[in-house]
């Protein structure tokens, strides 16, 4: 029986891709994604974060589309007695502490008076560690395919909701008899 629902931040609550694209000079994330790899072969996310971490690239993000609906959903789940956690990750880099501080600041900026709904805010150093925070009574809502694959490989696929958009997330929560 599910008692705890964990929400990832980037791509679920926070529109990090859109903000990084904008900071890198692209009007639309789609154009930014077309330049997925830098000249040195590195994936664009870490390099973009590294370039913009001192510009508070996490704090300045907008919420994902359907922000108000997501807040209502979290309120509803909390009112039904579910333990609601944040389970996000940061890269294991020398600036990881800055990422953690900025993510917590973002939560306070957009959830402020409703921070009490979150029992825990866990920001781990690498998405591969998220699985360690999930037991048979918990699920994770996350948009990262690599994390989903890790759950499936470890026999925990039923405890993962792959986030594509708000409406599909709600459908999956209904299918799991959570709402």
N, C-alpha and C. Protein backbone atom coordinates (compact mmCIF):
# COMPACT_ATOMS: atom_id res chain seq x y z
N UNK A 1 0.84 -1.19 0.00
CA UNK A 1 0.00 0.00 0.00
C UNK A 1 0.88 1.25 0.00
N UNK A 2 0.64 2.12 -0.93
CA UNK A 2 1.44 3.34 -1.06
C UNK A 2 1.06 4.33 0.05
N UNK A 3 2.09 4.77 0.77
CA UNK A 3 1.91 5.75 1.84
C UNK A 3 2.70 7.03 1.58
N UNK A 4 3.75 6.91 0.74
CA UNK A 4 4.64 8.04 0.49
C UNK A 4 4.74 8.29 -1.01
N UNK A 5 4.61 9.55 -1.39
CA UNK A 5 4.75 9.95 -2.78
C UNK A 5 5.89 10.95 -2.87
N UNK A 6 6.90 10.58 -3.65
CA UNK A 6 8.08 11.41 -3.84
C UNK A 6 8.00 12.12 -5.19
N UNK A 7 8.25 13.41 -5.18
CA UNK A 7 8.24 14.21 -6.40
C UNK A 7 9.66 14.64 -6.73
N UNK A 8 10.09 14.37 -7.96
CA UNK A 8 11.32 14.94 -8.49
C UNK A 8 11.05 16.43 -8.72
N UNK A 9 12.09 17.21 -8.85
CA UNK A 9 11.90 18.64 -9.12
C UNK A 9 12.05 18.97 -10.61
N UNK A 10 13.26 18.81 -11.15
CA UNK A 10 13.56 19.24 -12.52
C UNK A 10 12.76 18.41 -13.52
N UNK A 11 11.91 19.09 -14.29
CA UNK A 11 11.10 18.40 -15.29
C UNK A 11 9.76 17.92 -14.76
N UNK A 12 9.53 18.01 -13.45
CA UNK A 12 8.25 17.64 -12.85
C UNK A 12 7.62 18.88 -12.22
N UNK A 13 8.35 19.53 -11.35
CA UNK A 13 7.87 20.76 -10.72
C UNK A 13 8.52 22.00 -11.35
N UNK A 14 9.77 21.88 -11.77
CA UNK A 14 10.59 23.00 -12.21
C UNK A 14 10.92 22.87 -13.69
N UNK A 15 10.76 23.96 -14.44
CA UNK A 15 11.07 23.94 -15.87
C UNK A 15 12.53 24.34 -16.10
N UNK A 16 13.44 23.48 -15.65
CA UNK A 16 14.87 23.75 -15.75
C UNK A 16 15.33 23.84 -17.20
N UNK A 17 14.86 22.95 -18.06
CA UNK A 17 15.29 22.96 -19.46
C UNK A 17 14.99 24.29 -20.13
N UNK A 18 13.80 24.81 -19.90
CA UNK A 18 13.43 26.08 -20.51
C UNK A 18 14.33 27.21 -20.02
N UNK A 19 14.65 27.20 -18.73
CA UNK A 19 15.50 28.25 -18.18
C UNK A 19 16.93 28.14 -18.71
N UNK A 20 17.47 26.92 -18.75
CA UNK A 20 18.83 26.76 -19.27
C UNK A 20 18.90 27.14 -20.74
N UNK A 21 17.88 26.76 -21.50
CA UNK A 21 17.84 27.14 -22.92
C UNK A 21 17.88 28.66 -23.06
N UNK A 22 17.06 29.33 -22.26
CA UNK A 22 17.01 30.80 -22.30
C UNK A 22 18.36 31.41 -21.92
N UNK A 23 18.98 30.88 -20.86
CA UNK A 23 20.28 31.40 -20.44
C UNK A 23 21.36 31.15 -21.49
N UNK A 24 21.19 30.08 -22.27
CA UNK A 24 22.15 29.77 -23.34
C UNK A 24 21.80 30.47 -24.65
N UNK A 25 20.75 31.31 -24.65
CA UNK A 25 20.44 32.12 -25.82
C UNK A 25 19.43 31.53 -26.78
N UNK A 26 18.69 30.51 -26.35
CA UNK A 26 17.66 29.90 -27.21
C UNK A 26 16.29 30.29 -26.69
N UNK A 27 15.41 30.69 -27.61
CA UNK A 27 14.05 31.07 -27.21
C UNK A 27 13.22 29.86 -26.83
N UNK A 28 13.50 28.74 -27.43
CA UNK A 28 12.71 27.53 -27.19
C UNK A 28 13.63 26.37 -26.80
N UNK A 29 13.24 25.59 -25.80
CA UNK A 29 14.05 24.43 -25.41
C UNK A 29 14.29 23.45 -26.55
N UNK A 30 13.35 23.36 -27.50
CA UNK A 30 13.51 22.43 -28.62
C UNK A 30 14.77 22.76 -29.40
N UNK A 31 15.01 24.05 -29.65
CA UNK A 31 16.21 24.46 -30.37
C UNK A 31 17.46 24.13 -29.55
N UNK A 32 17.35 24.30 -28.25
CA UNK A 32 18.46 24.00 -27.35
C UNK A 32 18.78 22.50 -27.39
N UNK A 33 17.72 21.68 -27.37
CA UNK A 33 17.91 20.22 -27.41
C UNK A 33 18.60 19.77 -28.70
N UNK A 34 18.38 20.50 -29.79
CA UNK A 34 19.03 20.14 -31.05
C UNK A 34 20.55 20.24 -30.93
N UNK A 35 21.02 21.00 -29.97
CA UNK A 35 22.45 21.14 -29.70
C UNK A 35 22.79 20.37 -28.42
N UNK A 36 22.31 19.13 -28.38
CA UNK A 36 22.39 18.31 -27.17
C UNK A 36 23.82 18.11 -26.66
N UNK A 37 24.76 18.04 -27.56
CA UNK A 37 26.14 17.82 -27.16
C UNK A 37 27.01 19.01 -27.52
N UNK A 38 27.91 19.36 -26.64
CA UNK A 38 28.86 20.43 -26.88
C UNK A 38 29.97 19.92 -27.81
N UNK A 39 30.85 20.80 -28.24
CA UNK A 39 31.95 20.42 -29.13
C UNK A 39 32.85 19.36 -28.51
N UNK A 40 32.98 19.38 -27.17
CA UNK A 40 33.85 18.40 -26.52
C UNK A 40 33.14 17.08 -26.24
N UNK A 41 31.91 16.92 -26.76
CA UNK A 41 31.18 15.66 -26.59
C UNK A 41 30.41 15.56 -25.29
N UNK A 42 30.50 16.56 -24.46
CA UNK A 42 29.79 16.53 -23.17
C UNK A 42 28.32 16.87 -23.38
N UNK A 43 27.49 16.21 -22.61
CA UNK A 43 26.06 16.47 -22.63
C UNK A 43 25.80 17.92 -22.21
N UNK A 44 24.85 18.58 -22.84
CA UNK A 44 24.64 20.02 -22.67
C UNK A 44 24.18 20.40 -21.25
N UNK A 45 23.42 19.56 -20.57
CA UNK A 45 22.92 19.92 -19.25
C UNK A 45 24.03 20.29 -18.27
N UNK A 46 24.97 19.38 -18.02
CA UNK A 46 26.01 19.72 -17.04
C UNK A 46 26.82 20.95 -17.43
N UNK A 47 27.14 21.08 -18.70
CA UNK A 47 27.92 22.24 -19.14
C UNK A 47 27.11 23.52 -18.97
N UNK A 48 25.84 23.48 -19.28
CA UNK A 48 24.98 24.65 -19.14
C UNK A 48 24.83 25.03 -17.67
N UNK A 49 24.63 24.04 -16.82
CA UNK A 49 24.52 24.31 -15.38
C UNK A 49 25.81 24.93 -14.86
N UNK A 50 26.93 24.35 -15.28
CA UNK A 50 28.23 24.88 -14.86
C UNK A 50 28.39 26.34 -15.27
N UNK A 51 27.96 26.67 -16.49
CA UNK A 51 28.05 28.06 -16.97
C UNK A 51 27.16 29.02 -16.18
N UNK A 52 26.02 28.52 -15.71
CA UNK A 52 25.00 29.42 -15.16
C UNK A 52 24.72 29.25 -13.66
N UNK A 53 25.47 28.40 -12.98
CA UNK A 53 25.20 28.15 -11.56
C UNK A 53 25.32 29.44 -10.74
N UNK A 54 26.27 30.31 -11.07
CA UNK A 54 26.41 31.55 -10.31
C UNK A 54 25.34 32.58 -10.67
N UNK A 55 24.59 32.33 -11.74
CA UNK A 55 23.45 33.17 -12.10
C UNK A 55 22.17 32.66 -11.44
N UNK A 56 22.34 31.72 -10.51
CA UNK A 56 21.21 31.09 -9.81
C UNK A 56 20.22 30.47 -10.79
N UNK A 57 20.76 29.65 -11.67
CA UNK A 57 19.94 29.06 -12.75
C UNK A 57 18.80 28.20 -12.23
N UNK A 58 18.90 27.67 -11.02
CA UNK A 58 17.79 26.88 -10.48
C UNK A 58 16.72 27.78 -9.86
N UNK A 59 17.15 28.78 -9.12
CA UNK A 59 16.20 29.68 -8.45
C UNK A 59 15.36 30.45 -9.46
N UNK A 60 15.96 30.82 -10.59
CA UNK A 60 15.26 31.67 -11.56
C UNK A 60 14.34 30.89 -12.50
N UNK A 61 14.25 29.59 -12.34
CA UNK A 61 13.36 28.78 -13.18
C UNK A 61 11.90 29.08 -12.90
N UNK A 62 11.11 28.95 -13.93
CA UNK A 62 9.66 28.99 -13.78
C UNK A 62 9.17 27.59 -13.41
N UNK A 63 8.01 27.49 -12.82
CA UNK A 63 7.43 26.17 -12.60
C UNK A 63 7.04 25.53 -13.94
N UNK A 64 6.85 24.24 -13.92
CA UNK A 64 6.38 23.53 -15.10
C UNK A 64 4.95 23.98 -15.42
N UNK A 65 4.51 23.77 -16.69
CA UNK A 65 3.10 24.03 -17.01
C UNK A 65 2.19 23.27 -16.05
N UNK A 66 1.04 23.82 -15.80
CA UNK A 66 0.05 23.26 -14.87
C UNK A 66 0.52 23.36 -13.41
N UNK A 67 1.29 24.40 -13.12
CA UNK A 67 1.81 24.61 -11.77
C UNK A 67 0.69 24.67 -10.72
N UNK A 68 -0.33 25.46 -10.98
CA UNK A 68 -1.42 25.58 -10.00
C UNK A 68 -2.13 24.25 -9.80
N UNK A 69 -2.33 23.51 -10.88
CA UNK A 69 -2.97 22.20 -10.79
C UNK A 69 -2.09 21.23 -10.01
N UNK A 70 -0.78 21.31 -10.22
CA UNK A 70 0.14 20.44 -9.47
C UNK A 70 0.09 20.76 -7.98
N UNK A 71 0.04 22.04 -7.65
CA UNK A 71 -0.08 22.42 -6.24
C UNK A 71 -1.37 21.85 -5.63
N UNK A 72 -2.46 21.94 -6.39
CA UNK A 72 -3.73 21.39 -5.90
C UNK A 72 -3.64 19.89 -5.72
N UNK A 73 -2.97 19.21 -6.66
CA UNK A 73 -2.79 17.77 -6.55
C UNK A 73 -1.99 17.41 -5.30
N UNK A 74 -0.91 18.11 -5.07
CA UNK A 74 -0.08 17.84 -3.89
C UNK A 74 -0.89 18.11 -2.62
N UNK A 75 -1.64 19.21 -2.60
CA UNK A 75 -2.52 19.51 -1.45
C UNK A 75 -3.51 18.37 -1.22
N UNK A 76 -4.12 17.90 -2.32
CA UNK A 76 -5.11 16.82 -2.23
C UNK A 76 -4.47 15.54 -1.67
N UNK A 77 -3.33 15.18 -2.20
CA UNK A 77 -2.65 13.96 -1.73
C UNK A 77 -2.27 14.10 -0.26
N UNK A 78 -1.80 15.28 0.11
CA UNK A 78 -1.44 15.53 1.51
C UNK A 78 -2.67 15.42 2.41
N UNK A 79 -3.79 15.97 1.96
CA UNK A 79 -5.02 15.93 2.76
C UNK A 79 -5.56 14.50 2.91
N UNK A 80 -5.22 13.63 1.96
CA UNK A 80 -5.64 12.22 2.04
C UNK A 80 -4.72 11.40 2.95
N UNK A 81 -3.71 12.04 3.52
CA UNK A 81 -2.83 11.37 4.46
C UNK A 81 -1.54 10.81 3.88
N UNK A 82 -1.31 11.06 2.60
CA UNK A 82 -0.04 10.61 2.02
C UNK A 82 1.10 11.48 2.54
N UNK A 83 2.22 10.84 2.77
CA UNK A 83 3.45 11.56 3.10
C UNK A 83 4.02 12.03 1.76
N UNK A 84 4.25 13.33 1.63
CA UNK A 84 4.74 13.91 0.39
C UNK A 84 6.20 14.34 0.60
N UNK A 85 7.07 13.83 -0.25
CA UNK A 85 8.49 14.18 -0.18
C UNK A 85 8.96 14.77 -1.50
N UNK A 86 10.01 15.53 -1.41
CA UNK A 86 10.77 15.93 -2.59
C UNK A 86 11.96 14.98 -2.66
N UNK A 87 12.18 14.39 -3.83
CA UNK A 87 13.34 13.53 -4.04
C UNK A 87 13.96 13.95 -5.37
N UNK A 88 14.93 14.83 -5.27
CA UNK A 88 15.57 15.38 -6.45
C UNK A 88 17.06 15.04 -6.40
N UNK A 89 17.75 15.37 -7.46
CA UNK A 89 19.19 15.08 -7.46
C UNK A 89 19.96 16.29 -7.95
N UNK A 90 21.23 16.27 -7.62
CA UNK A 90 22.16 17.24 -8.17
C UNK A 90 23.37 16.44 -8.61
N UNK A 91 24.13 17.01 -9.46
CA UNK A 91 25.32 16.31 -9.94
C UNK A 91 26.36 16.30 -8.83
N UNK A 92 27.19 15.30 -8.84
CA UNK A 92 28.26 15.20 -7.86
C UNK A 92 29.44 16.02 -8.36
N UNK A 93 29.34 17.33 -8.18
CA UNK A 93 30.35 18.27 -8.65
C UNK A 93 30.76 19.19 -7.51
N UNK A 94 31.80 19.98 -7.74
CA UNK A 94 32.26 20.91 -6.70
C UNK A 94 31.21 21.97 -6.39
N UNK A 95 30.26 22.20 -7.28
CA UNK A 95 29.22 23.20 -7.05
C UNK A 95 27.89 22.57 -6.63
N UNK A 96 27.90 21.32 -6.24
CA UNK A 96 26.67 20.63 -5.83
C UNK A 96 25.94 21.34 -4.69
N UNK A 97 26.70 21.86 -3.73
CA UNK A 97 26.07 22.55 -2.60
C UNK A 97 25.28 23.78 -3.07
N UNK A 98 25.77 24.45 -4.11
CA UNK A 98 25.04 25.59 -4.67
C UNK A 98 23.72 25.13 -5.29
N UNK A 99 23.75 23.99 -5.97
CA UNK A 99 22.53 23.45 -6.57
C UNK A 99 21.51 23.14 -5.49
N UNK A 100 21.95 22.49 -4.43
CA UNK A 100 21.04 22.13 -3.33
C UNK A 100 20.40 23.39 -2.75
N UNK A 101 21.21 24.39 -2.45
CA UNK A 101 20.68 25.65 -1.88
C UNK A 101 19.69 26.31 -2.83
N UNK A 102 20.00 26.30 -4.13
CA UNK A 102 19.10 26.93 -5.10
C UNK A 102 17.79 26.15 -5.24
N UNK A 103 17.86 24.84 -5.19
CA UNK A 103 16.63 24.05 -5.29
C UNK A 103 15.74 24.28 -4.07
N UNK A 104 16.33 24.34 -2.90
CA UNK A 104 15.55 24.61 -1.68
C UNK A 104 14.97 26.02 -1.75
N UNK A 105 15.75 26.98 -2.24
CA UNK A 105 15.24 28.35 -2.39
C UNK A 105 14.07 28.39 -3.37
N UNK A 106 14.15 27.61 -4.46
CA UNK A 106 13.05 27.55 -5.42
C UNK A 106 11.78 27.01 -4.75
N UNK A 107 11.93 25.96 -3.97
CA UNK A 107 10.76 25.40 -3.27
C UNK A 107 10.12 26.45 -2.36
N UNK A 108 10.94 27.18 -1.62
CA UNK A 108 10.39 28.22 -0.74
C UNK A 108 9.73 29.34 -1.54
N UNK A 109 10.29 29.66 -2.69
CA UNK A 109 9.73 30.71 -3.54
C UNK A 109 8.34 30.33 -4.06
N UNK A 110 8.17 29.08 -4.47
CA UNK A 110 6.91 28.67 -5.11
C UNK A 110 5.96 27.90 -4.20
N UNK A 111 6.44 27.37 -3.09
CA UNK A 111 5.55 26.63 -2.19
C UNK A 111 5.50 27.28 -0.81
N UNK A 112 6.34 28.26 -0.56
CA UNK A 112 6.37 29.07 0.65
C UNK A 112 5.56 28.57 1.84
N UNK A 113 4.37 29.13 1.99
CA UNK A 113 3.52 28.82 3.15
C UNK A 113 3.06 27.37 3.15
N UNK A 114 3.20 26.70 2.03
CA UNK A 114 2.75 25.30 1.94
C UNK A 114 3.91 24.30 2.03
N UNK A 115 5.08 24.77 2.44
CA UNK A 115 6.23 23.87 2.58
C UNK A 115 5.95 22.75 3.59
N UNK A 116 5.01 23.00 4.51
CA UNK A 116 4.67 21.99 5.51
C UNK A 116 4.13 20.70 4.87
N UNK A 117 3.67 20.79 3.62
CA UNK A 117 3.15 19.59 2.95
C UNK A 117 4.26 18.58 2.68
N UNK A 118 5.50 19.06 2.57
CA UNK A 118 6.62 18.17 2.28
C UNK A 118 7.23 17.66 3.59
N UNK A 119 7.12 16.37 3.80
CA UNK A 119 7.70 15.77 5.01
C UNK A 119 9.22 15.83 4.98
N UNK A 120 9.77 15.57 3.80
CA UNK A 120 11.23 15.59 3.64
C UNK A 120 11.57 16.22 2.29
N UNK A 121 12.71 16.88 2.29
CA UNK A 121 13.29 17.37 1.04
C UNK A 121 14.66 16.70 0.94
N UNK A 122 14.76 15.73 0.03
CA UNK A 122 16.00 14.98 -0.17
C UNK A 122 16.55 15.33 -1.54
N UNK A 123 17.76 15.87 -1.55
CA UNK A 123 18.44 16.17 -2.80
C UNK A 123 19.75 15.38 -2.78
N UNK A 124 19.78 14.34 -3.58
CA UNK A 124 20.89 13.39 -3.56
C UNK A 124 21.90 13.72 -4.65
N UNK A 125 23.11 13.27 -4.47
CA UNK A 125 24.20 13.53 -5.43
C UNK A 125 24.22 12.45 -6.50
N UNK A 126 23.31 12.60 -7.45
CA UNK A 126 23.22 11.65 -8.56
C UNK A 126 21.89 10.93 -8.53
N UNK A 127 21.21 10.88 -9.67
CA UNK A 127 19.88 10.27 -9.75
C UNK A 127 19.90 8.79 -9.43
N UNK A 128 21.04 8.15 -9.59
CA UNK A 128 21.13 6.71 -9.30
C UNK A 128 20.87 6.41 -7.82
N UNK A 129 21.01 7.40 -6.96
CA UNK A 129 20.80 7.19 -5.52
C UNK A 129 19.33 7.29 -5.10
N UNK A 130 18.48 7.76 -5.99
CA UNK A 130 17.07 7.94 -5.64
C UNK A 130 16.42 6.62 -5.22
N UNK A 131 16.79 5.54 -5.86
CA UNK A 131 16.18 4.25 -5.56
C UNK A 131 16.35 3.86 -4.09
N UNK A 132 17.40 4.37 -3.45
CA UNK A 132 17.66 4.06 -2.04
C UNK A 132 16.63 4.71 -1.11
N UNK A 133 15.83 5.62 -1.61
CA UNK A 133 14.84 6.33 -0.80
C UNK A 133 13.42 5.77 -0.99
N UNK A 134 13.31 4.72 -1.77
CA UNK A 134 12.00 4.16 -2.09
C UNK A 134 11.89 2.76 -1.50
N UNK A 135 10.81 2.53 -0.77
CA UNK A 135 10.52 1.18 -0.28
C UNK A 135 9.19 0.72 -0.86
N UNK A 136 8.69 -0.41 -0.40
CA UNK A 136 7.46 -0.97 -0.98
C UNK A 136 6.22 -0.10 -0.75
N UNK A 137 6.32 0.87 0.13
CA UNK A 137 5.19 1.76 0.42
C UNK A 137 5.33 3.14 -0.22
N UNK A 138 6.26 3.27 -1.17
CA UNK A 138 6.54 4.59 -1.74
C UNK A 138 6.61 4.51 -3.26
N UNK A 139 6.35 5.66 -3.89
CA UNK A 139 6.55 5.79 -5.33
C UNK A 139 7.33 7.07 -5.60
N UNK A 140 7.91 7.12 -6.79
CA UNK A 140 8.62 8.30 -7.25
C UNK A 140 8.00 8.76 -8.56
N UNK A 141 7.71 10.05 -8.64
CA UNK A 141 7.25 10.68 -9.89
C UNK A 141 8.44 11.44 -10.44
N UNK A 142 8.94 11.01 -11.61
CA UNK A 142 10.20 11.53 -12.14
C UNK A 142 10.15 11.50 -13.67
N UNK A 143 10.89 12.38 -14.29
CA UNK A 143 10.89 12.47 -15.76
C UNK A 143 12.16 11.92 -16.40
N UNK A 144 13.05 11.34 -15.62
CA UNK A 144 14.34 10.92 -16.15
C UNK A 144 14.30 9.43 -16.50
N UNK A 145 14.43 9.14 -17.77
CA UNK A 145 14.34 7.77 -18.27
C UNK A 145 15.38 6.85 -17.62
N UNK A 146 16.55 7.36 -17.37
CA UNK A 146 17.61 6.56 -16.74
C UNK A 146 17.19 6.10 -15.34
N UNK A 147 16.51 6.97 -14.63
CA UNK A 147 16.03 6.61 -13.29
C UNK A 147 14.93 5.56 -13.39
N UNK A 148 14.02 5.73 -14.35
CA UNK A 148 12.98 4.72 -14.56
C UNK A 148 13.60 3.36 -14.88
N UNK A 149 14.59 3.35 -15.75
CA UNK A 149 15.25 2.10 -16.10
C UNK A 149 15.89 1.43 -14.89
N UNK A 150 16.46 2.22 -14.01
CA UNK A 150 17.05 1.69 -12.78
C UNK A 150 15.99 1.02 -11.91
N UNK A 151 14.83 1.65 -11.81
CA UNK A 151 13.73 1.06 -11.03
C UNK A 151 13.28 -0.25 -11.65
N UNK A 152 13.13 -0.27 -12.97
CA UNK A 152 12.69 -1.49 -13.66
C UNK A 152 13.72 -2.60 -13.47
N UNK A 153 15.00 -2.29 -13.66
CA UNK A 153 16.07 -3.27 -13.51
C UNK A 153 16.13 -3.85 -12.11
N UNK A 154 15.71 -3.08 -11.12
CA UNK A 154 15.73 -3.53 -9.72
C UNK A 154 14.38 -4.06 -9.25
N UNK A 155 13.49 -4.35 -10.21
CA UNK A 155 12.20 -4.93 -9.87
C UNK A 155 11.25 -3.98 -9.17
N UNK A 156 11.46 -2.69 -9.36
CA UNK A 156 10.64 -1.69 -8.68
C UNK A 156 9.89 -0.79 -9.67
N UNK A 157 9.66 -1.29 -10.87
CA UNK A 157 9.00 -0.50 -11.90
C UNK A 157 7.62 0.00 -11.51
N UNK A 158 6.90 -0.77 -10.67
CA UNK A 158 5.57 -0.36 -10.23
C UNK A 158 5.62 0.83 -9.27
N UNK A 159 6.79 1.14 -8.78
CA UNK A 159 6.92 2.22 -7.81
C UNK A 159 7.47 3.49 -8.47
N UNK A 160 7.33 3.55 -9.79
CA UNK A 160 7.84 4.68 -10.56
C UNK A 160 6.74 5.17 -11.49
N UNK A 161 6.50 6.46 -11.48
CA UNK A 161 5.60 7.08 -12.46
C UNK A 161 6.47 7.96 -13.34
N UNK A 162 6.51 7.61 -14.63
CA UNK A 162 7.29 8.40 -15.57
C UNK A 162 6.50 9.65 -15.93
N UNK A 163 7.04 10.81 -15.60
CA UNK A 163 6.35 12.07 -15.80
C UNK A 163 6.61 12.61 -17.20
N UNK A 164 5.55 12.65 -18.01
CA UNK A 164 5.62 13.28 -19.33
C UNK A 164 4.91 14.63 -19.30
N UNK A 165 3.78 14.65 -18.58
CA UNK A 165 3.03 15.89 -18.41
C UNK A 165 2.05 15.68 -17.26
N UNK A 166 1.45 16.77 -16.82
CA UNK A 166 0.58 16.73 -15.65
C UNK A 166 -0.59 15.75 -15.84
N UNK A 167 -1.28 15.84 -16.97
CA UNK A 167 -2.47 15.01 -17.17
C UNK A 167 -2.15 13.52 -17.17
N UNK A 168 -1.05 13.12 -17.81
CA UNK A 168 -0.66 11.71 -17.79
C UNK A 168 -0.28 11.26 -16.38
N UNK A 169 0.33 12.15 -15.62
CA UNK A 169 0.68 11.84 -14.24
C UNK A 169 -0.58 11.54 -13.42
N UNK A 170 -1.58 12.38 -13.58
CA UNK A 170 -2.85 12.17 -12.87
C UNK A 170 -3.47 10.83 -13.28
N UNK A 171 -3.46 10.54 -14.58
CA UNK A 171 -3.99 9.25 -15.06
C UNK A 171 -3.28 8.08 -14.40
N UNK A 172 -1.96 8.16 -14.29
CA UNK A 172 -1.21 7.07 -13.67
C UNK A 172 -1.51 6.96 -12.18
N UNK A 173 -1.70 8.09 -11.52
CA UNK A 173 -2.07 8.05 -10.10
C UNK A 173 -3.45 7.42 -9.91
N UNK A 174 -4.36 7.69 -10.83
CA UNK A 174 -5.69 7.07 -10.80
C UNK A 174 -5.58 5.57 -11.03
N UNK A 175 -4.78 5.17 -12.01
CA UNK A 175 -4.58 3.73 -12.29
C UNK A 175 -4.02 3.00 -11.08
N UNK A 176 -3.20 3.66 -10.29
CA UNK A 176 -2.61 3.05 -9.10
C UNK A 176 -3.52 3.21 -7.88
N UNK A 177 -4.74 3.70 -8.09
CA UNK A 177 -5.72 3.91 -7.01
C UNK A 177 -5.19 4.81 -5.90
N UNK A 178 -4.39 5.80 -6.28
CA UNK A 178 -3.87 6.75 -5.31
C UNK A 178 -4.81 7.94 -5.20
N UNK A 179 -5.40 8.33 -6.34
CA UNK A 179 -6.41 9.40 -6.30
C UNK A 179 -7.68 8.89 -6.97
